[in-house]
Amino acid sequence: MRIESLENNKIRIEIPLTTQSGKIRVKIRNSFYEYGIPTATRQIPFSQKHYIEWQIGYDVDKSDKEKLALSTLQETHFVGANGKNKALYELSEYLYYFVQWGIINKAEIENLCTFLQNLKNEDFIDSRFVVLHLYFFNIVRKQKRGFTL
């Protein structure tokens, strides 16, 4: 998502909630412990069952001029794990500005990296719980010949 503006230590972006393709999707679920399913945002009113899924990027390949134009930090440079020249994009951009504005500091980011690197498989929720992709259906009770359907 392109940063629309940067002012007063705030990042403004547009999140298209009515387009069910691309990097943003609105989903609905009946329980916090299940994966949601895409929902028709123009037809179903938002509720507490809705959430926004954002497939956020971290960097952009500098050879992709169209995508590079979406970054506010096109002049940044690093070599990615795949050997490509990259610039900061989306999450990396936000972290850059948060550090510049004093919202977080470099030590906090380093501590977070250390914490994440020390996580074990059993620390992840999917190793402790089975998360099911469930679809709930309304069951209509009909009385027929002495039993309920």
Foldseek 3Di string as FASTA:
>chain_A
DFFPDADPLDTDDDDDAQDCDDFKFKFFDDDPQADTDGDHPVPDPDDPRIDMGGPWDFKDFLVPVVVLVRDPFSVDWDQDPVRGIITGDGPNNSVVSCCVVVVDHPVVVVVVVVVVVPDDPCVDPVVVDPHYHDDDDDDDWDDDPHDTD
